Amino acid sequence: MGTPSTTSTGRKTGRWVALAGVENKIIHNLLSDLDRGRLIPVATQPPPAHAPVKAFLAETIAMHARDRWKAWFRGRDVYFAPIHGNLHIGNPIKFPNEPPRLDMRVRRVGEHNPELLG
């Protein structure tokens, strides 16, 4: 969690959610709201030290249905998005002045080479 990390869970229900956390404030918000502030120092360590936090989140998220989590996360400053089937609709990272845009086009091999190679 202290480094780029994503957790998606839903094995029991088949209805998955994605959590992403890199910023300390996001980690603090999430774990504090889940009454696990004592895990914040562990969560800010690089992998694999934060494995207990990921395990806690997977276990906790699995306890309730995805729709309940959607409601719970609404308005919280945490990177969260539901996953629908094999398609992840939504972006867990929210920027107030830059809404995410999904681009579902299939890219051609080498399509971006001219931009990348100048």
N, C-alpha and C. Protein backbone atom coordinates (compact mmCIF):
# COMPACT_ATOMS: atom_id res chain seq x y z
N MET A 1 0.82 -1.19 0.00
CA MET A 1 0.00 0.00 0.00
C MET A 1 0.87 1.25 0.00
N GLY A 2 2.05 1.22 0.55
CA GLY A 2 2.92 2.38 0.55
C GLY A 2 3.57 2.60 -0.80
N THR A 3 3.48 1.62 -1.66
CA THR A 3 3.95 1.72 -3.03
C THR A 3 2.73 1.44 -3.89
N PRO A 4 2.79 1.72 -5.20
CA PRO A 4 1.61 1.46 -6.02
C PRO A 4 1.07 0.05 -5.80
N SER A 5 -0.19 -0.03 -5.49
CA SER A 5 -0.76 -1.32 -5.13
C SER A 5 -2.24 -1.33 -5.47
N THR A 6 -2.70 -2.44 -5.95
CA THR A 6 -4.13 -2.60 -6.22
C THR A 6 -4.59 -3.91 -5.59
N THR A 7 -5.73 -3.86 -4.97
CA THR A 7 -6.34 -5.06 -4.41
C THR A 7 -7.71 -5.18 -5.03
N SER A 8 -8.01 -6.32 -5.59
CA SER A 8 -9.37 -6.56 -6.05
C SER A 8 -9.82 -7.86 -5.40
N THR A 9 -11.05 -7.85 -4.98
CA THR A 9 -11.52 -9.03 -4.27
C THR A 9 -13.00 -9.24 -4.53
N GLY A 10 -13.44 -10.45 -4.38
CA GLY A 10 -14.83 -10.79 -4.58
C GLY A 10 -15.01 -12.26 -4.91
N ARG A 11 -14.04 -13.06 -4.55
CA ARG A 11 -14.10 -14.49 -4.89
C ARG A 11 -15.39 -15.15 -4.42
N LYS A 12 -15.85 -14.78 -3.24
CA LYS A 12 -17.05 -15.44 -2.71
C LYS A 12 -18.31 -15.05 -3.47
N THR A 13 -18.38 -13.80 -3.89
CA THR A 13 -19.60 -13.30 -4.50
C THR A 13 -19.52 -13.23 -6.02
N GLY A 14 -18.31 -13.24 -6.58
CA GLY A 14 -18.16 -13.06 -8.01
C GLY A 14 -18.36 -11.62 -8.43
N ARG A 15 -18.50 -10.74 -7.48
CA ARG A 15 -18.71 -9.31 -7.75
C ARG A 15 -17.54 -8.57 -7.13
N TRP A 16 -16.63 -8.13 -7.97
CA TRP A 16 -15.33 -7.64 -7.54
C TRP A 16 -15.30 -6.13 -7.35
N VAL A 17 -14.38 -5.69 -6.51
CA VAL A 17 -14.07 -4.27 -6.35
C VAL A 17 -12.56 -4.10 -6.45
N ALA A 18 -12.14 -2.90 -6.81
CA ALA A 18 -10.71 -2.60 -6.88
C ALA A 18 -10.39 -1.46 -5.93
N LEU A 19 -9.32 -1.63 -5.18
CA LEU A 19 -8.79 -0.59 -4.31
C LEU A 19 -7.37 -0.31 -4.76
N ALA A 20 -7.01 0.94 -4.80
CA ALA A 20 -5.63 1.31 -5.13
C ALA A 20 -5.16 2.30 -4.10
N GLY A 21 -3.93 2.18 -3.68
CA GLY A 21 -3.43 3.11 -2.68
C GLY A 21 -1.96 3.37 -2.84
N VAL A 22 -1.61 4.63 -2.94
CA VAL A 22 -0.21 5.00 -3.00
C VAL A 22 0.07 6.14 -2.03
N GLU A 23 -0.85 7.04 -1.93
CA GLU A 23 -0.65 8.21 -1.09
C GLU A 23 -0.95 7.89 0.38
N ASN A 24 -0.14 8.44 1.25
CA ASN A 24 -0.35 8.20 2.68
C ASN A 24 -1.73 8.66 3.14
N LYS A 25 -2.24 9.78 2.59
CA LYS A 25 -3.55 10.25 3.04
C LYS A 25 -4.66 9.27 2.66
N ILE A 26 -4.51 8.61 1.51
CA ILE A 26 -5.51 7.62 1.08
C ILE A 26 -5.45 6.42 2.02
N ILE A 27 -4.25 5.96 2.32
CA ILE A 27 -4.07 4.84 3.24
C ILE A 27 -4.66 5.19 4.60
N HIS A 28 -4.34 6.38 5.08
CA HIS A 28 -4.85 6.83 6.38
C HIS A 28 -6.38 6.88 6.38
N ASN A 29 -6.96 7.46 5.33
CA ASN A 29 -8.43 7.57 5.26
C ASN A 29 -9.08 6.19 5.28
N LEU A 30 -8.59 5.29 4.46
CA LEU A 30 -9.20 3.97 4.34
C LEU A 30 -9.10 3.19 5.65
N LEU A 31 -7.90 3.08 6.17
CA LEU A 31 -7.73 2.27 7.37
C LEU A 31 -8.38 2.90 8.60
N SER A 32 -8.38 4.22 8.68
CA SER A 32 -9.06 4.88 9.79
C SER A 32 -10.56 4.64 9.72
N ASP A 33 -11.14 4.77 8.52
CA ASP A 33 -12.58 4.56 8.36
C ASP A 33 -12.98 3.11 8.63
N LEU A 34 -12.04 2.19 8.47
CA LEU A 34 -12.31 0.78 8.76
C LEU A 34 -11.88 0.40 10.18
N ASP A 35 -11.60 1.40 11.00
CA ASP A 35 -11.17 1.19 12.40
C ASP A 35 -9.92 0.32 12.50
N ARG A 36 -8.98 0.53 11.59
CA ARG A 36 -7.72 -0.20 11.63
C ARG A 36 -6.54 0.76 11.51
N GLY A 37 -6.63 1.88 12.22
CA GLY A 37 -5.55 2.86 12.20
C GLY A 37 -4.21 2.28 12.62
N ARG A 38 -4.22 1.24 13.43
CA ARG A 38 -2.95 0.63 13.88
C ARG A 38 -2.18 -0.01 12.72
N LEU A 39 -2.87 -0.25 11.58
CA LEU A 39 -2.20 -0.85 10.42
C LEU A 39 -1.55 0.20 9.51
N ILE A 40 -1.78 1.47 9.79
CA ILE A 40 -1.24 2.52 8.91
C ILE A 40 0.29 2.42 8.79
N PRO A 41 1.05 2.27 9.89
CA PRO A 41 2.51 2.17 9.74
C PRO A 41 2.94 0.96 8.90
N VAL A 42 2.20 -0.12 8.99
CA VAL A 42 2.51 -1.32 8.20
C VAL A 42 2.19 -1.07 6.73
N ALA A 43 1.08 -0.39 6.47
CA ALA A 43 0.62 -0.15 5.10
C ALA A 43 1.57 0.76 4.32
N THR A 44 2.29 1.60 5.00
CA THR A 44 3.17 2.53 4.31
C THR A 44 4.55 1.94 4.02
N GLN A 45 4.76 0.68 4.35
CA GLN A 45 6.02 0.00 4.06
C GLN A 45 5.96 -0.61 2.66
N PRO A 46 7.11 -0.76 2.02
CA PRO A 46 7.11 -1.41 0.69
C PRO A 46 6.78 -2.89 0.81
N PRO A 47 6.35 -3.49 -0.31
CA PRO A 47 6.07 -4.91 -0.27
C PRO A 47 7.34 -5.69 0.06
N PRO A 48 7.24 -6.82 0.67
CA PRO A 48 6.04 -7.54 1.08
C PRO A 48 5.57 -7.17 2.49
N ALA A 49 6.17 -6.16 3.11
CA ALA A 49 5.83 -5.82 4.50
C ALA A 49 4.36 -5.49 4.70
N HIS A 50 3.71 -4.94 3.66
CA HIS A 50 2.30 -4.56 3.83
C HIS A 50 1.32 -5.70 3.51
N ALA A 51 1.82 -6.91 3.37
CA ALA A 51 0.96 -8.07 3.09
C ALA A 51 -0.16 -8.25 4.12
N PRO A 52 0.07 -8.01 5.42
CA PRO A 52 -1.04 -8.15 6.38
C PRO A 52 -2.18 -7.16 6.11
N VAL A 53 -1.85 -6.00 5.58
CA VAL A 53 -2.89 -5.00 5.27
C VAL A 53 -3.70 -5.48 4.07
N LYS A 54 -3.03 -5.98 3.05
CA LYS A 54 -3.75 -6.49 1.88
C LYS A 54 -4.64 -7.66 2.27
N ALA A 55 -4.15 -8.52 3.16
CA ALA A 55 -4.96 -9.65 3.62
C ALA A 55 -6.18 -9.16 4.39
N PHE A 56 -5.99 -8.17 5.26
CA PHE A 56 -7.11 -7.60 6.01
C PHE A 56 -8.14 -7.02 5.05
N LEU A 57 -7.69 -6.26 4.05
CA LEU A 57 -8.63 -5.64 3.11
C LEU A 57 -9.39 -6.70 2.31
N ALA A 58 -8.70 -7.72 1.85
CA ALA A 58 -9.37 -8.79 1.09
C ALA A 58 -10.43 -9.48 1.95
N GLU A 59 -10.07 -9.78 3.18
CA GLU A 59 -11.02 -10.43 4.10
C GLU A 59 -12.20 -9.52 4.42
N THR A 60 -11.93 -8.26 4.65
CA THR A 60 -12.98 -7.30 5.00
C THR A 60 -13.93 -7.06 3.83
N ILE A 61 -13.37 -6.84 2.64
CA ILE A 61 -14.20 -6.59 1.46
C ILE A 61 -15.07 -7.81 1.16
N ALA A 62 -14.53 -9.01 1.37
CA ALA A 62 -15.28 -10.24 1.08
C ALA A 62 -16.49 -10.41 1.99
N MET A 63 -16.55 -9.68 3.09
CA MET A 63 -17.64 -9.84 4.05
C MET A 63 -18.97 -9.26 3.56
N HIS A 64 -18.92 -8.35 2.59
CA HIS A 64 -20.14 -7.68 2.15
C HIS A 64 -20.22 -7.66 0.63
N ALA A 65 -21.40 -7.47 0.12
CA ALA A 65 -21.62 -7.42 -1.32
C ALA A 65 -21.03 -6.14 -1.92
N ARG A 66 -20.68 -6.22 -3.20
CA ARG A 66 -20.08 -5.08 -3.90
C ARG A 66 -20.95 -3.84 -3.80
N ASP A 67 -22.27 -3.98 -3.94
CA ASP A 67 -23.15 -2.81 -3.90
C ASP A 67 -23.11 -2.12 -2.54
N ARG A 68 -22.96 -2.91 -1.49
CA ARG A 68 -22.84 -2.30 -0.15
C ARG A 68 -21.55 -1.49 -0.06
N TRP A 69 -20.45 -2.02 -0.63
CA TRP A 69 -19.19 -1.28 -0.61
C TRP A 69 -19.27 -0.03 -1.47
N LYS A 70 -19.97 -0.11 -2.60
CA LYS A 70 -20.13 1.10 -3.43
C LYS A 70 -20.75 2.21 -2.60
N ALA A 71 -21.78 1.90 -1.85
CA ALA A 71 -22.43 2.90 -1.00
C ALA A 71 -21.50 3.37 0.11
N TRP A 72 -20.77 2.44 0.72
CA TRP A 72 -19.88 2.78 1.83
C TRP A 72 -18.76 3.72 1.37
N PHE A 73 -18.19 3.47 0.19
CA PHE A 73 -17.07 4.28 -0.30
C PHE A 73 -17.51 5.63 -0.86
N ARG A 74 -18.77 5.78 -1.20
CA ARG A 74 -19.25 7.04 -1.78
C ARG A 74 -18.91 8.21 -0.86
N GLY A 75 -18.24 9.22 -1.42
CA GLY A 75 -17.89 10.41 -0.66
C GLY A 75 -16.62 10.30 0.15
N ARG A 76 -16.03 9.12 0.20
CA ARG A 76 -14.77 8.97 0.94
C ARG A 76 -13.59 9.25 0.01
N ASP A 77 -12.53 9.79 0.56
CA ASP A 77 -11.34 10.11 -0.22
C ASP A 77 -10.44 8.87 -0.27
N VAL A 78 -10.92 7.87 -1.03
CA VAL A 78 -10.24 6.59 -1.17
C VAL A 78 -10.39 6.16 -2.62
N TYR A 79 -9.35 5.55 -3.19
CA TYR A 79 -9.41 5.08 -4.57
C TYR A 79 -10.12 3.73 -4.61
N PHE A 80 -11.35 3.73 -5.12
CA PHE A 80 -12.20 2.55 -5.14
C PHE A 80 -13.00 2.55 -6.44
N ALA A 81 -13.22 1.37 -7.00
CA ALA A 81 -14.12 1.24 -8.15
C ALA A 81 -14.66 -0.19 -8.19
N PRO A 82 -15.94 -0.33 -8.55
CA PRO A 82 -16.48 -1.68 -8.75
C PRO A 82 -15.96 -2.24 -10.07
N ILE A 83 -15.88 -3.55 -10.14
CA ILE A 83 -15.50 -4.22 -11.38
C ILE A 83 -16.71 -5.01 -11.84
N HIS A 84 -17.07 -4.83 -13.09
CA HIS A 84 -18.23 -5.51 -13.65
C HIS A 84 -17.75 -6.57 -14.63
N GLY A 85 -17.88 -7.85 -14.27
CA GLY A 85 -17.42 -8.93 -15.13
C GLY A 85 -15.93 -8.84 -15.35
N ASN A 86 -15.51 -9.03 -16.60
CA ASN A 86 -14.09 -8.92 -16.92
C ASN A 86 -13.70 -7.49 -17.25
N LEU A 87 -14.67 -6.61 -17.26
CA LEU A 87 -14.43 -5.22 -17.63
C LEU A 87 -14.49 -4.36 -16.39
N HIS A 88 -13.44 -3.65 -16.12
CA HIS A 88 -13.37 -2.74 -14.97
C HIS A 88 -13.93 -1.40 -15.44
N ILE A 89 -15.16 -1.09 -15.03
CA ILE A 89 -15.78 0.17 -15.41
C ILE A 89 -15.54 1.16 -14.29
N GLY A 90 -14.94 2.25 -14.63
CA GLY A 90 -14.65 3.26 -13.63
C GLY A 90 -13.17 3.31 -13.37
N ASN A 91 -12.77 4.32 -12.70
CA ASN A 91 -11.37 4.51 -12.39
C ASN A 91 -11.25 4.75 -10.90
N PRO A 92 -10.46 3.96 -10.18
CA PRO A 92 -10.37 4.16 -8.74
C PRO A 92 -9.65 5.45 -8.37
N ILE A 93 -8.89 6.03 -9.29
CA ILE A 93 -8.17 7.26 -8.99
C ILE A 93 -9.01 8.43 -9.47
N LYS A 94 -9.37 9.31 -8.55
CA LYS A 94 -10.25 10.43 -8.86
C LYS A 94 -9.49 11.75 -8.78
N PHE A 95 -9.52 12.53 -9.85
CA PHE A 95 -8.98 13.87 -9.86
C PHE A 95 -10.15 14.83 -10.04
N PRO A 96 -10.32 15.81 -9.16
CA PRO A 96 -11.51 16.66 -9.21
C PRO A 96 -11.68 17.43 -10.51
N ASN A 97 -10.59 17.82 -11.16
CA ASN A 97 -10.70 18.61 -12.38
C ASN A 97 -10.39 17.83 -13.64
N GLU A 98 -10.17 16.53 -13.51
CA GLU A 98 -9.87 15.69 -14.66
C GLU A 98 -10.62 14.38 -14.56
N PRO A 99 -11.89 14.34 -14.98
CA PRO A 99 -12.62 13.07 -14.91
C PRO A 99 -11.98 12.05 -15.85
N PRO A 100 -11.92 10.79 -15.43
CA PRO A 100 -11.33 9.76 -16.28
C PRO A 100 -12.19 9.50 -17.51
N ARG A 101 -11.53 9.14 -18.60
CA ARG A 101 -12.25 8.78 -19.83
C ARG A 101 -11.80 7.38 -20.24
N LEU A 102 -12.76 6.51 -20.47
CA LEU A 102 -12.43 5.16 -20.91
C LEU A 102 -12.22 5.16 -22.42
N ASP A 103 -11.15 4.58 -22.85
CA ASP A 103 -10.86 4.42 -24.27
C ASP A 103 -10.74 2.93 -24.52
N MET A 104 -11.76 2.35 -25.11
CA MET A 104 -11.83 0.90 -25.26
C MET A 104 -11.31 0.42 -26.63
N ARG A 105 -10.69 1.31 -27.39
CA ARG A 105 -10.18 0.89 -28.70
C ARG A 105 -9.05 -0.12 -28.53
N VAL A 106 -8.99 -1.06 -29.46
CA VAL A 106 -7.88 -2.01 -29.49
C VAL A 106 -6.75 -1.33 -30.27
N ARG A 107 -5.60 -1.27 -29.67
CA ARG A 107 -4.45 -0.59 -30.28
C ARG A 107 -3.72 -1.50 -31.26
N ARG A 108 -3.20 -0.88 -32.32
CA ARG A 108 -2.36 -1.61 -33.28
C ARG A 108 -0.95 -1.73 -32.71
N VAL A 109 -0.27 -2.78 -33.05
CA VAL A 109 1.12 -2.95 -32.63
C VAL A 109 1.94 -1.80 -33.20
N GLY A 110 2.67 -1.12 -32.35
CA GLY A 110 3.52 -0.01 -32.77
C GLY A 110 2.80 1.31 -32.98
N GLU A 111 1.52 1.37 -32.67
CA GLU A 111 0.72 2.58 -32.92
C GLU A 111 1.34 3.83 -32.28
N HIS A 112 1.92 3.69 -31.12
CA HIS A 112 2.45 4.85 -30.41
C HIS A 112 3.95 5.04 -30.60
N ASN A 113 4.58 4.19 -31.42
CA ASN A 113 6.02 4.31 -31.61
C ASN A 113 6.46 5.70 -32.07
N PRO A 114 5.80 6.32 -33.04
CA PRO A 114 6.26 7.65 -33.49
C PRO A 114 6.24 8.67 -32.33
N GLU A 115 5.20 8.61 -31.48
CA GLU A 115 5.13 9.54 -30.35
C GLU A 115 6.24 9.27 -29.35
N LEU A 116 6.52 8.01 -29.09
CA LEU A 116 7.50 7.64 -28.07
C LEU A 116 8.94 7.82 -28.55
N LEU A 117 9.16 7.56 -29.83
CA LEU A 117 10.52 7.60 -30.34
C LEU A 117 10.88 8.94 -30.98
N GLY A 118 9.90 9.84 -31.08
CA GLY A 118 10.18 11.19 -31.58
C GLY A 118 10.26 11.19 -33.04
